[in-house]
Amino acid sequence: MRKVVFEADTLASIREFPGTARLRVGYELDRLQRDLEPENGKPFSSIGQGVLELRIQIGRQFRVIYVVKFAGYVHFLHLFDKKSQKTRDTDIAIAKQRLQEVMRRCWQ
């Protein structure tokens, strides 16, 4: 099973999601740890190669941006409540910055 790394405040962000959304994140995380495809995910290549996005719709839309390409780990980069059709530039910038930090750590 893949290990999980919650980057920065991602674990705290999950805890702020409503209960049903938290359960869905946990379900999808279990699938990722077992090397299964998420049920509602897609590549998010504008952040970086190998970065993916979980899409959770439970009344509102929630997003989990993650990467799994580093030696047996799932890195949760950023989680947020999506409030519009387009992903905010600040959310993309946060995910890009955290991806850079992961890459620095993994390649040292």
PDB file of N, CA and C in Angstrom:
ATOM      1  N   MET A   1       0.835  -1.201   0.000  1.00  0.00           N
ATOM      2  CA  MET A   1       0.000   0.000   0.000  1.00  0.00           C
ATOM      3  C   MET A   1       0.868   1.247   0.000  1.00  0.00           C
ATOM      4  N   ARG A   2       0.419   2.244  -0.739  1.00  0.00           N
ATOM      5  CA  ARG A   2       1.129   3.514  -0.756  1.00  0.00           C
ATOM      6  C   ARG A   2       0.930   4.232   0.572  1.00  0.00           C
ATOM      7  N   LYS A   3       1.954   4.933   1.006  1.00  0.00           N
ATOM      8  CA  LYS A   3       1.856   5.767   2.199  1.00  0.00           C
ATOM      9  C   LYS A   3       1.331   7.138   1.790  1.00  0.00           C
ATOM     10  N   VAL A   4       0.746   7.844   2.753  1.00  0.00           N
ATOM     11  CA  VAL A   4       0.153   9.156   2.481  1.00  0.00           C
ATOM     12  C   VAL A   4       0.987  10.238   3.150  1.00  0.00           C
ATOM     13  N   VAL A   5       1.232  11.313   2.424  1.00  0.00           N
ATOM     14  CA  VAL A   5       1.892  12.490   2.978  1.00  0.00           C
ATOM     15  C   VAL A   5       0.928  13.661   2.805  1.00  0.00           C
ATOM     16  N   PHE A   6       0.533  14.241   3.914  1.00  0.00           N
ATOM     17  CA  PHE A   6      -0.342  15.406   3.890  1.00  0.00           C
ATOM     18  C   PHE A   6       0.540  16.642   3.910  1.00  0.00           C
ATOM     19  N   GLU A   7       0.672  17.301   2.782  1.00  0.00           N
ATOM     20  CA  GLU A   7       1.529  18.477   2.678  1.00  0.00           C
ATOM     21  C   GLU A   7       0.866  19.672   3.369  1.00  0.00           C
ATOM     22  N   ALA A   8       1.689  20.435   4.075  1.00  0.00           N
ATOM     23  CA  ALA A   8       1.257  21.693   4.723  1.00  0.00           C
ATOM     24  C   ALA A   8      -0.021  21.476   5.528  1.00  0.00           C
ATOM     25  N   ASP A   9      -1.087  22.207   5.193  1.00  0.00           N
ATOM     26  CA  ASP A   9      -2.325  22.174   5.979  1.00  0.00           C
ATOM     27  C   ASP A   9      -3.393  21.258   5.397  1.00  0.00           C
ATOM     28  N   THR A  10      -3.004  20.304   4.539  1.00  0.00           N
ATOM     29  CA  THR A  10      -4.024  19.505   3.856  1.00  0.00           C
ATOM     30  C   THR A  10      -4.842  18.637   4.812  1.00  0.00           C
ATOM     31  N   LEU A  11      -4.225  18.087   5.837  1.00  0.00           N
ATOM     32  CA  LEU A  11      -4.999  17.275   6.788  1.00  0.00           C
ATOM     33  C   LEU A  11      -6.019  18.145   7.520  1.00  0.00           C
ATOM     34  N   ALA A  12      -5.612  19.333   7.918  1.00  0.00           N
ATOM     35  CA  ALA A  12      -6.546  20.265   8.569  1.00  0.00           C
ATOM     36  C   ALA A  12      -7.661  20.662   7.605  1.00  0.00           C
ATOM     37  N   SER A  13      -7.340  20.805   6.329  1.00  0.00           N
ATOM     38  CA  SER A  13      -8.359  21.159   5.334  1.00  0.00           C
ATOM     39  C   SER A  13      -9.393  20.051   5.188  1.00  0.00           C
ATOM     40  N   ILE A  14      -8.947  18.803   5.206  1.00  0.00           N
ATOM     41  CA  ILE A  14      -9.895  17.686   5.136  1.00  0.00           C
ATOM     42  C   ILE A  14     -10.850  17.737   6.314  1.00  0.00           C
ATOM     43  N   ARG A  15     -10.319  18.024   7.471  1.00  0.00           N
ATOM     44  CA  ARG A  15     -11.139  18.059   8.685  1.00  0.00           C
ATOM     45  C   ARG A  15     -12.190  19.170   8.648  1.00  0.00           C
ATOM     46  N   GLU A  16     -11.977  20.182   7.809  1.00  0.00           N
ATOM     47  CA  GLU A  16     -12.947  21.268   7.667  1.00  0.00           C
ATOM     48  C   GLU A  16     -14.056  20.948   6.667  1.00  0.00           C
ATOM     49  N   PHE A  17     -13.865  19.917   5.849  1.00  0.00           N
ATOM     50  CA  PHE A  17     -14.902  19.517   4.903  1.00  0.00           C
ATOM     51  C   PHE A  17     -16.106  18.976   5.674  1.00  0.00           C
ATOM     52  N   PRO A  18     -17.310  19.089   5.117  1.00  0.00           N
ATOM     53  CA  PRO A  18     -18.470  18.459   5.748  1.00  0.00           C
ATOM     54  C   PRO A  18     -18.270  16.945   5.832  1.00  0.00           C
ATOM     55  N   GLY A  19     -18.979  16.305   6.765  1.00  0.00           N
ATOM     56  CA  GLY A  19     -18.805  14.876   7.020  1.00  0.00           C
ATOM     57  C   GLY A  19     -18.871  13.987   5.794  1.00  0.00           C
ATOM     58  N   THR A  20     -19.853  14.189   4.929  1.00  0.00           N
ATOM     59  CA  THR A  20     -20.003  13.344   3.743  1.00  0.00           C
ATOM     60  C   THR A  20     -18.831  13.523   2.785  1.00  0.00           C
ATOM     61  N   ALA A  21     -18.337  14.744   2.644  1.00  0.00           N
ATOM     62  CA  ALA A  21     -17.179  15.003   1.779  1.00  0.00           C
ATOM     63  C   ALA A  21     -15.924  14.359   2.374  1.00  0.00           C
ATOM     64  N   ARG A  22     -15.768  14.419   3.705  1.00  0.00           N
ATOM     65  CA  ARG A  22     -14.614  13.770   4.361  1.00  0.00           C
ATOM     66  C   ARG A  22     -14.635  12.265   4.117  1.00  0.00           C
ATOM     67  N   LEU A  23     -15.806  11.669   4.229  1.00  0.00           N
ATOM     68  CA  LEU A  23     -15.924  10.227   3.976  1.00  0.00           C
ATOM     69  C   LEU A  23     -15.528   9.890   2.543  1.00  0.00           C
ATOM     70  N   ARG A  24     -15.945  10.735   1.620  1.00  0.00           N
ATOM     71  CA  ARG A  24     -15.622  10.496   0.201  1.00  0.00           C
ATOM     72  C   ARG A  24     -14.116  10.631  -0.041  1.00  0.00           C
ATOM     73  N   VAL A  25     -13.483  11.623   0.590  1.00  0.00           N
ATOM     74  CA  VAL A  25     -12.026  11.773   0.471  1.00  0.00           C
ATOM     75  C   VAL A  25     -11.345  10.515   1.019  1.00  0.00           C
ATOM     76  N   GLY A  26     -11.803  10.029   2.159  1.00  0.00           N
ATOM     77  CA  GLY A  26     -11.231   8.818   2.742  1.00  0.00           C
ATOM     78  C   GLY A  26     -11.382   7.616   1.831  1.00  0.00           C
ATOM     79  N   TYR A  27     -12.540   7.472   1.216  1.00  0.00           N
ATOM     80  CA  TYR A  27     -12.782   6.380   0.277  1.00  0.00           C
ATOM     81  C   TYR A  27     -11.829   6.458  -0.908  1.00  0.00           C
ATOM     82  N   GLU A  28     -11.718   7.644  -1.490  1.00  0.00           N
ATOM     83  CA  GLU A  28     -10.834   7.824  -2.645  1.00  0.00           C
ATOM     84  C   GLU A  28      -9.368   7.632  -2.251  1.00  0.00           C
ATOM     85  N   LEU A  29      -8.994   8.091  -1.067  1.00  0.00           N
ATOM     86  CA  LEU A  29      -7.626   7.910  -0.593  1.00  0.00           C
ATOM     87  C   LEU A  29      -7.310   6.430  -0.450  1.00  0.00           C
ATOM     88  N   ASP A  30      -8.240   5.655   0.075  1.00  0.00           N
ATOM     89  CA  ASP A  30      -8.041   4.212   0.188  1.00  0.00           C
ATOM     90  C   ASP A  30      -7.804   3.596  -1.187  1.00  0.00           C
ATOM     91  N   ARG A  31      -8.544   4.024  -2.179  1.00  0.00           N
ATOM     92  CA  ARG A  31      -8.344   3.516  -3.550  1.00  0.00           C
ATOM     93  C   ARG A  31      -6.947   3.869  -4.056  1.00  0.00           C
ATOM     94  N   LEU A  32      -6.520   5.119  -3.814  1.00  0.00           N
ATOM     95  CA  LEU A  32      -5.196   5.547  -4.272  1.00  0.00           C
ATOM     96  C   LEU A  32      -4.098   4.751  -3.579  1.00  0.00           C
ATOM     97  N   GLN A  33      -4.260   4.510  -2.288  1.00  0.00           N
ATOM     98  CA  GLN A  33      -3.257   3.746  -1.553  1.00  0.00           C
ATOM     99  C   GLN A  33      -3.123   2.325  -2.095  1.00  0.00           C
ATOM    100  N   ARG A  34      -4.192   1.796  -2.636  1.00  0.00           N
ATOM    101  CA  ARG A  34      -4.191   0.434  -3.167  1.00  0.00           C
ATOM    102  C   ARG A  34      -3.869   0.394  -4.669  1.00  0.00           C
ATOM    103  N   ASP A  35      -3.399   1.517  -5.211  1.00  0.00           N
ATOM    104  CA  ASP A  35      -3.066   1.639  -6.632  1.00  0.00           C
ATOM    105  C   ASP A  35      -4.262   1.438  -7.552  1.00  0.00           C
ATOM    106  N   LEU A  36      -5.439   1.815  -7.075  1.00  0.00           N
ATOM    107  CA  LEU A  36      -6.633   1.789  -7.900  1.00  0.00           C
ATOM    108  C   LEU A  36      -6.904   3.201  -8.410  1.00  0.00           C
ATOM    109  N   GLU A  37      -7.563   3.283  -9.543  1.00  0.00           N
ATOM    110  CA  GLU A  37      -7.928   4.585 -10.091  1.00  0.00           C
ATOM    111  C   GLU A  37      -9.028   5.207  -9.232  1.00  0.00           C
ATOM    112  N   PRO A  38      -9.002   6.515  -9.046  1.00  0.00           N
ATOM    113  CA  PRO A  38     -10.103   7.154  -8.322  1.00  0.00           C
ATOM    114  C   PRO A  38     -11.374   7.084  -9.165  1.00  0.00           C
ATOM    115  N   GLU A  39     -12.503   7.129  -8.510  1.00  0.00           N
ATOM    116  CA  GLU A  39     -13.765   7.062  -9.242  1.00  0.00           C
ATOM    117  C   GLU A  39     -14.078   8.347  -9.989  1.00  0.00           C
ATOM    118  N   ASN A  40     -13.611   9.480  -9.478  1.00  0.00           N
ATOM    119  CA  ASN A  40     -13.886  10.742 -10.151  1.00  0.00           C
ATOM    120  C   ASN A  40     -12.647  11.623 -10.086  1.00  0.00           C
ATOM    121  N   GLY A  41     -11.678  11.282 -10.899  1.00  0.00           N
ATOM    122  CA  GLY A  41     -10.436  12.044 -10.936  1.00  0.00           C
ATOM    123  C   GLY A  41     -10.042  12.351 -12.361  1.00  0.00           C
ATOM    124  N   LYS A  42      -9.119  13.289 -12.481  1.00  0.00           N
ATOM    125  CA  LYS A  42      -8.609  13.638 -13.811  1.00  0.00           C
ATOM    126  C   LYS A  42      -7.233  14.271 -13.651  1.00  0.00           C
ATOM    127  N   PRO A  43      -6.417  14.212 -14.702  1.00  0.00           N
ATOM    128  CA  PRO A  43      -5.107  14.873 -14.655  1.00  0.00           C
ATOM    129  C   PRO A  43      -5.266  16.382 -14.523  1.00  0.00           C
ATOM    130  N   PHE A  44      -4.316  16.989 -13.843  1.00  0.00           N
ATOM    131  CA  PHE A  44      -4.292  18.450 -13.685  1.00  0.00           C
ATOM    132  C   PHE A  44      -2.903  18.909 -14.130  1.00  0.00           C
ATOM    133  N   SER A  45      -2.624  18.729 -15.414  1.00  0.00           N
ATOM    134  CA  SER A  45      -1.286  18.943 -15.950  1.00  0.00           C
ATOM    135  C   SER A  45      -0.828  20.399 -15.914  1.00  0.00           C
ATOM    136  N   SER A  46      -1.740  21.351 -15.755  1.00  0.00           N
ATOM    137  CA  SER A  46      -1.302  22.745 -15.684  1.00  0.00           C
ATOM    138  C   SER A  46      -0.537  23.021 -14.387  1.00  0.00           C
ATOM    139  N   ILE A  47      -0.674  22.148 -13.406  1.00  0.00           N
ATOM    140  CA  ILE A  47       0.101  22.285 -12.164  1.00  0.00           C
ATOM    141  C   ILE A  47       1.445  21.582 -12.306  1.00  0.00           C
ATOM    142  N   GLY A  48       1.442  20.430 -12.944  1.00  0.00           N
ATOM    143  CA  GLY A  48       2.686  19.704 -13.146  1.00  0.00           C
ATOM    144  C   GLY A  48       2.414  18.308 -13.660  1.00  0.00           C
ATOM    145  N   GLN A  49       3.448  17.712 -14.231  1.00  0.00           N
ATOM    146  CA  GLN A  49       3.331  16.364 -14.769  1.00  0.00           C
ATOM    147  C   GLN A  49       3.048  15.377 -13.635  1.00  0.00           C
ATOM    148  N   GLY A  50       2.059  14.524 -13.818  1.00  0.00           N
ATOM    149  CA  GLY A  50       1.722  13.525 -12.823  1.00  0.00           C
ATOM    150  C   GLY A  50       0.784  14.005 -11.736  1.00  0.00           C
ATOM    151  N   VAL A  51       0.370  15.270 -11.793  1.00  0.00           N
ATOM    152  CA  VAL A  51      -0.550  15.818 -10.788  1.00  0.00           C
ATOM    153  C   VAL A  51      -1.980  15.498 -11.222  1.00  0.00           C
ATOM    154  N   LEU A  52      -2.779  15.085 -10.248  1.00  0.00           N
ATOM    155  CA  LEU A  52      -4.167  14.718 -10.513  1.00  0.00           C
ATOM    156  C   LEU A  52      -5.098  15.451  -9.566  1.00  0.00           C
ATOM    157  N   GLU A  53      -6.372  15.444  -9.922  1.00  0.00           N
ATOM    158  CA  GLU A  53      -7.385  16.133  -9.132  1.00  0.00           C
ATOM    159  C   GLU A  53      -8.539  15.170  -8.864  1.00  0.00           C
ATOM    160  N   LEU A  54      -8.905  15.033  -7.593  1.00  0.00           N
ATOM    161  CA  LEU A  54     -10.128  14.325  -7.229  1.00  0.00           C
ATOM    162  C   LEU A  54     -11.257  15.329  -7.228  1.00  0.00           C
ATOM    163  N   ARG A  55     -12.368  14.961  -7.829  1.00  0.00           N
ATOM    164  CA  ARG A  55     -13.534  15.838  -7.856  1.00  0.00           C
ATOM    165  C   ARG A  55     -14.630  15.205  -7.001  1.00  0.00           C
ATOM    166  N   ILE A  56     -15.016  15.908  -5.968  1.00  0.00           N
ATOM    167  CA  ILE A  56     -16.028  15.408  -5.047  1.00  0.00           C
ATOM    168  C   ILE A  56     -17.199  16.381  -5.069  1.00  0.00           C
ATOM    169  N   GLN A  57     -18.351  15.868  -5.425  1.00  0.00           N
ATOM    170  CA  GLN A  57     -19.546  16.710  -5.502  1.00  0.00           C
ATOM    171  C   GLN A  57     -20.575  16.160  -4.518  1.00  0.00           C
ATOM    172  N   ILE A  58     -20.774  16.896  -3.447  1.00  0.00           N
ATOM    173  CA  ILE A  58     -21.768  16.530  -2.443  1.00  0.00           C
ATOM    174  C   ILE A  58     -22.473  17.830  -2.065  1.00  0.00           C
ATOM    175  N   GLY A  59     -23.466  18.176  -2.847  1.00  0.00           N
ATOM    176  CA  GLY A  59     -24.112  19.475  -2.667  1.00  0.00           C
ATOM    177  C   GLY A  59     -23.230  20.568  -3.231  1.00  0.00           C
ATOM    178  N   ARG A  60     -22.033  20.721  -2.666  1.00  0.00           N
ATOM    179  CA  ARG A  60     -21.023  21.658  -3.174  1.00  0.00           C
ATOM    180  C   ARG A  60     -19.902  20.842  -3.820  1.00  0.00           C
ATOM    181  N   GLN A  61     -18.989  21.554  -4.445  1.00  0.00           N
ATOM    182  CA  GLN A  61     -17.858  20.899  -5.088  1.00  0.00           C
ATOM    183  C   GLN A  61     -16.606  21.046  -4.239  1.00  0.00           C
ATOM    184  N   PHE A  62     -15.900  19.938  -4.062  1.00  0.00           N
ATOM    185  CA  PHE A  62     -14.638  19.933  -3.333  1.00  0.00           C
ATOM    186  C   PHE A  62     -13.583  19.333  -4.242  1.00  0.00           C
ATOM    187  N   ARG A  63     -12.363  19.811  -4.074  1.00  0.00           N
ATOM    188  CA  ARG A  63     -11.259  19.316  -4.892  1.00  0.00           C
ATOM    189  C   ARG A  63     -10.083  18.917  -4.008  1.00  0.00           C
ATOM    190  N   VAL A  64      -9.407  17.842  -4.440  1.00  0.00           N
ATOM    191  CA  VAL A  64      -8.184  17.379  -3.799  1.00  0.00           C
ATOM    192  C   VAL A  64      -7.152  17.264  -4.900  1.00  0.00           C
ATOM    193  N   ILE A  65      -6.077  18.026  -4.797  1.00  0.00           N
ATOM    194  CA  ILE A  65      -5.007  17.961  -5.786  1.00  0.00           C
ATOM    195  C   ILE A  65      -3.889  17.136  -5.164  1.00  0.00           C
ATOM    196  N   TYR A  66      -3.431  16.125  -5.910  1.00  0.00           N
ATOM    197  CA  TYR A  66      -2.451  15.198  -5.355  1.00  0.00           C
ATOM    198  C   TYR A  66      -1.503  14.706  -6.440  1.00  0.00           C
ATOM    199  N   VAL A  67      -0.445  14.058  -5.999  1.00  0.00           N
ATOM    200  CA  VAL A  67       0.518  13.452  -6.913  1.00  0.00           C
ATOM    201  C   VAL A  67       0.924  12.096  -6.335  1.00  0.00           C
ATOM    202  N   VAL A  68       1.093  11.089  -7.200  1.00  0.00           N
ATOM    203  CA  VAL A  68       1.464   9.753  -6.732  1.00  0.00           C
ATOM    204  C   VAL A  68       2.745   9.234  -7.394  1.00  0.00           C
ATOM    205  N   LYS A  69       3.468  10.058  -8.086  1.00  0.00           N
ATOM    206  CA  LYS A  69       4.595   9.560  -8.873  1.00  0.00           C
ATOM    207  C   LYS A  69       5.892   9.390  -8.082  1.00  0.00           C
ATOM    208  N   PHE A  70       5.894   9.656  -6.804  1.00  0.00           N
ATOM    209  CA  PHE A  70       7.120   9.576  -6.025  1.00  0.00           C
ATOM    210  C   PHE A  70       7.137   8.338  -5.140  1.00  0.00           C
ATOM    211  N   ALA A  71       7.813   7.302  -5.591  1.00  0.00           N
ATOM    212  CA  ALA A  71       8.173   6.089  -4.855  1.00  0.00           C
ATOM    213  C   ALA A  71       7.222   5.652  -3.744  1.00  0.00           C
ATOM    214  N   GLY A  72       6.055   5.202  -4.145  1.00  0.00           N
ATOM    215  CA  GLY A  72       5.161   4.588  -3.182  1.00  0.00           C
ATOM    216  C   GLY A  72       4.405   5.523  -2.255  1.00  0.00           C
ATOM    217  N   TYR A  73       4.306   6.788  -2.607  1.00  0.00           N
ATOM    218  CA  TYR A  73       3.620   7.757  -1.754  1.00  0.00           C
ATOM    219  C   TYR A  73       2.496   8.457  -2.515  1.00  0.00           C
ATOM    220  N   VAL A  74       1.464   8.833  -1.782  1.00  0.00           N
ATOM    221  CA  VAL A  74       0.420   9.735  -2.279  1.00  0.00           C
ATOM    222  C   VAL A  74       0.639  11.045  -1.536  1.00  0.00           C
ATOM    223  N   HIS A  75       0.945  12.100  -2.259  1.00  0.00           N
ATOM    224  CA  HIS A  75       1.157  13.426  -1.652  1.00  0.00           C
ATOM    225  C   HIS A  75      -0.080  14.272  -1.914  1.00  0.00           C
ATOM    226  N   PHE A  76      -0.802  14.608  -0.844  1.00  0.00           N
ATOM    227  CA  PHE A  76      -1.914  15.539  -0.973  1.00  0.00           C
ATOM    228  C   PHE A  76      -1.325  16.945  -0.973  1.00  0.00           C
ATOM    229  N   LEU A  77      -1.477  17.655  -2.087  1.00  0.00           N
ATOM    230  CA  LEU A  77      -0.870  18.972  -2.247  1.00  0.00           C
ATOM    231  C   LEU A  77      -1.778  20.100  -1.779  1.00  0.00           C
ATOM    232  N   HIS A  78      -3.060  19.998  -2.106  1.00  0.00           N
ATOM    233  CA  HIS A  78      -3.976  21.098  -1.773  1.00  0.00           C
ATOM    234  C   HIS A  78      -5.409  20.583  -1.832  1.00  0.00           C
ATOM    235  N   LEU A  79      -6.226  21.033  -0.901  1.00  0.00           N
ATOM    236  CA  LEU A  79      -7.648  20.704  -0.860  1.00  0.00           C
ATOM    237  C   LEU A  79      -8.429  21.996  -0.717  1.00  0.00           C
ATOM    238  N   PHE A  80      -9.559  22.079  -1.403  1.00  0.00           N
ATOM    239  CA  PHE A  80     -10.347  23.305  -1.310  1.00  0.00           C
ATOM    240  C   PHE A  80     -11.779  23.064  -1.730  1.00  0.00           C
ATOM    241  N   ASP A  81     -12.606  23.983  -1.327  1.00  0.00           N
ATOM    242  CA  ASP A  81     -14.013  24.040  -1.678  1.00  0.00           C
ATOM    243  C   ASP A  81     -14.094  24.875  -2.959  1.00  0.00           C
ATOM    244  N   LYS A  82     -14.516  24.272  -4.046  1.00  0.00           N
ATOM    245  CA  LYS A  82     -14.553  24.977  -5.325  1.00  0.00           C
ATOM    246  C   LYS A  82     -15.866  25.736  -5.438  1.00  0.00           C
ATOM    247  N   LYS A  83     -15.765  27.046  -5.644  1.00  0.00           N
ATOM    248  CA  LYS A  83     -16.957  27.892  -5.618  1.00  0.00           C
ATOM    249  C   LYS A  83     -17.343  28.452  -6.975  1.00  0.00           C
ATOM    250  N   SER A  84     -16.557  28.164  -7.998  1.00  0.00           N
ATOM    251  CA  SER A  84     -16.897  28.660  -9.330  1.00  0.00           C
ATOM    252  C   SER A  84     -16.479  27.623 -10.369  1.00  0.00           C
ATOM    253  N   GLN A  85     -16.839  27.856 -11.601  1.00  0.00           N
ATOM    254  CA  GLN A  85     -16.514  26.931 -12.694  1.00  0.00           C
ATOM    255  C   GLN A  85     -15.005  26.780 -12.875  1.00  0.00           C
ATOM    256  N   LYS A  86     -14.292  27.884 -12.776  1.00  0.00           N
ATOM    257  CA  LYS A  86     -12.842  27.905 -12.997  1.00  0.00           C
ATOM    258  C   LYS A  86     -12.110  27.795 -11.652  1.00  0.00           C
ATOM    259  N   THR A  87     -11.048  26.995 -11.642  1.00  0.00           N
ATOM    260  CA  THR A  87     -10.229  26.899 -10.438  1.00  0.00           C
ATOM    261  C   THR A  87      -9.480  28.211 -10.242  1.00  0.00           C
ATOM    262  N   ARG A  88      -9.538  28.728  -9.022  1.00  0.00           N
ATOM    263  CA  ARG A  88      -8.896  30.020  -8.729  1.00  0.00           C
ATOM    264  C   ARG A  88      -7.382  29.931  -8.926  1.00  0.00           C
ATOM    265  N   ASP A  89      -6.800  31.027  -9.400  1.00  0.00           N
ATOM    266  CA  ASP A  89      -5.351  31.100  -9.606  1.00  0.00           C
ATOM    267  C   ASP A  89      -4.591  30.866  -8.299  1.00  0.00           C
ATOM    268  N   THR A  90      -5.141  31.327  -7.178  1.00  0.00           N
ATOM    269  CA  THR A  90      -4.458  31.136  -5.890  1.00  0.00           C
ATOM    270  C   THR A  90      -4.389  29.656  -5.527  1.00  0.00           C
ATOM    271  N   ASP A  91      -5.431  28.884  -5.831  1.00  0.00           N
ATOM    272  CA  ASP A  91      -5.408  27.448  -5.554  1.00  0.00           C
ATOM    273  C   ASP A  91      -4.376  26.741  -6.426  1.00  0.00           C
ATOM    274  N   ILE A  92      -4.284  27.146  -7.670  1.00  0.00           N
ATOM    275  CA  ILE A  92      -3.284  26.561  -8.573  1.00  0.00           C
ATOM    276  C   ILE A  92      -1.876  26.914  -8.092  1.00  0.00           C
ATOM    277  N   ALA A  93      -1.665  28.152  -7.684  1.00  0.00           N
ATOM    278  CA  ALA A  93      -0.343  28.580  -7.202  1.00  0.00           C
ATOM    279  C   ALA A  93       0.071  27.815  -5.944  1.00  0.00           C
ATOM    280  N   ILE A  94      -0.854  27.593  -5.032  1.00  0.00           N
ATOM    281  CA  ILE A  94      -0.545  26.834  -3.811  1.00  0.00           C
ATOM    282  C   ILE A  94      -0.122  25.416  -4.170  1.00  0.00           C
ATOM    283  N   ALA A  95      -0.876  24.774  -5.047  1.00  0.00           N
ATOM    284  CA  ALA A  95      -0.551  23.403  -5.448  1.00  0.00           C
ATOM    285  C   ALA A  95       0.808  23.336  -6.147  1.00  0.00           C
ATOM    286  N   LYS A  96       1.102  24.304  -7.015  1.00  0.00           N
ATOM    287  CA  LYS A  96       2.394  24.330  -7.707  1.00  0.00           C
ATOM    288  C   LYS A  96       3.545  24.492  -6.718  1.00  0.00           C
ATOM    289  N   GLN A  97       3.386  25.378  -5.757  1.00  0.00           N
ATOM    290  CA  GLN A  97       4.436  25.609  -4.765  1.00  0.00           C
ATOM    291  C   GLN A  97       4.689  24.336  -3.946  1.00  0.00           C
ATOM    292  N   ARG A  98       3.627  23.675  -3.534  1.00  0.00           N
ATOM    293  CA  ARG A  98       3.791  22.454  -2.736  1.00  0.00           C
ATOM    294  C   ARG A  98       4.376  21.325  -3.562  1.00  0.00           C
ATOM    295  N   LEU A  99       4.044  21.263  -4.845  1.00  0.00           N
ATOM    296  CA  LEU A  99       4.656  20.266  -5.723  1.00  0.00           C
ATOM    297  C   LEU A  99       6.161  20.499  -5.809  1.00  0.00           C
ATOM    298  N   GLN A 100       6.564  21.757  -5.943  1.00  0.00           N
ATOM    299  CA  GLN A 100       7.998  22.075  -5.986  1.00  0.00           C
ATOM    300  C   GLN A 100       8.695  21.632  -4.702  1.00  0.00           C
ATOM    301  N   GLU A 101       8.046  21.832  -3.562  1.00  0.00           N
ATOM    302  CA  GLU A 101       8.623  21.412  -2.283  1.00  0.00           C
ATOM    303  C   GLU A 101       8.769  19.897  -2.215  1.00  0.00           C
ATOM    304  N   VAL A 102       7.769  19.174  -2.690  1.00  0.00           N
ATOM    305  CA  VAL A 102       7.828  17.707  -2.716  1.00  0.00           C
ATOM    306  C   VAL A 102       8.978  17.263  -3.612  1.00  0.00           C
ATOM    307  N   MET A 103       9.100  17.865  -4.790  1.00  0.00           N
ATOM    308  CA  MET A 103      10.158  17.488  -5.715  1.00  0.00           C
ATOM    309  C   MET A 103      11.532  17.758  -5.122  1.00  0.00           C
ATOM    310  N   ARG A 104      11.696  18.880  -4.436  1.00  0.00           N
ATOM    311  CA  ARG A 104      12.979  19.173  -3.795  1.00  0.00           C
ATOM    312  C   ARG A 104      13.327  18.110  -2.765  1.00  0.00           C
ATOM    313  N   ARG A 105      12.366  17.756  -1.927  1.00  0.00           N
ATOM    314  CA  ARG A 105      12.604  16.742  -0.887  1.00  0.00           C
ATOM    315  C   ARG A 105      12.921  15.381  -1.484  1.00  0.00           C
ATOM    316  N   CYS A 106      12.201  14.995  -2.537  1.00  0.00           N
ATOM    317  CA  CYS A 106      12.354  13.666  -3.112  1.00  0.00           C
ATOM    318  C   CYS A 106      13.637  13.517  -3.913  1.00  0.00           C
ATOM    319  N   TRP A 107      14.178  14.601  -4.406  1.00  0.00           N
ATOM    320  CA  TRP A 107      15.372  14.521  -5.238  1.00  0.00           C
ATOM    321  C   TRP A 107      16.640  14.912  -4.514  1.00  0.00           C
ATOM    322  N   GLN A 108      16.573  15.098  -3.218  1.00  0.00           N
ATOM    323  CA  GLN A 108      17.791  15.449  -2.458  1.00  0.00           C
ATOM    324  C   GLN A 108      18.537  14.209  -2.060  1.00  0.00           C
TER     325      GLN A 108
END
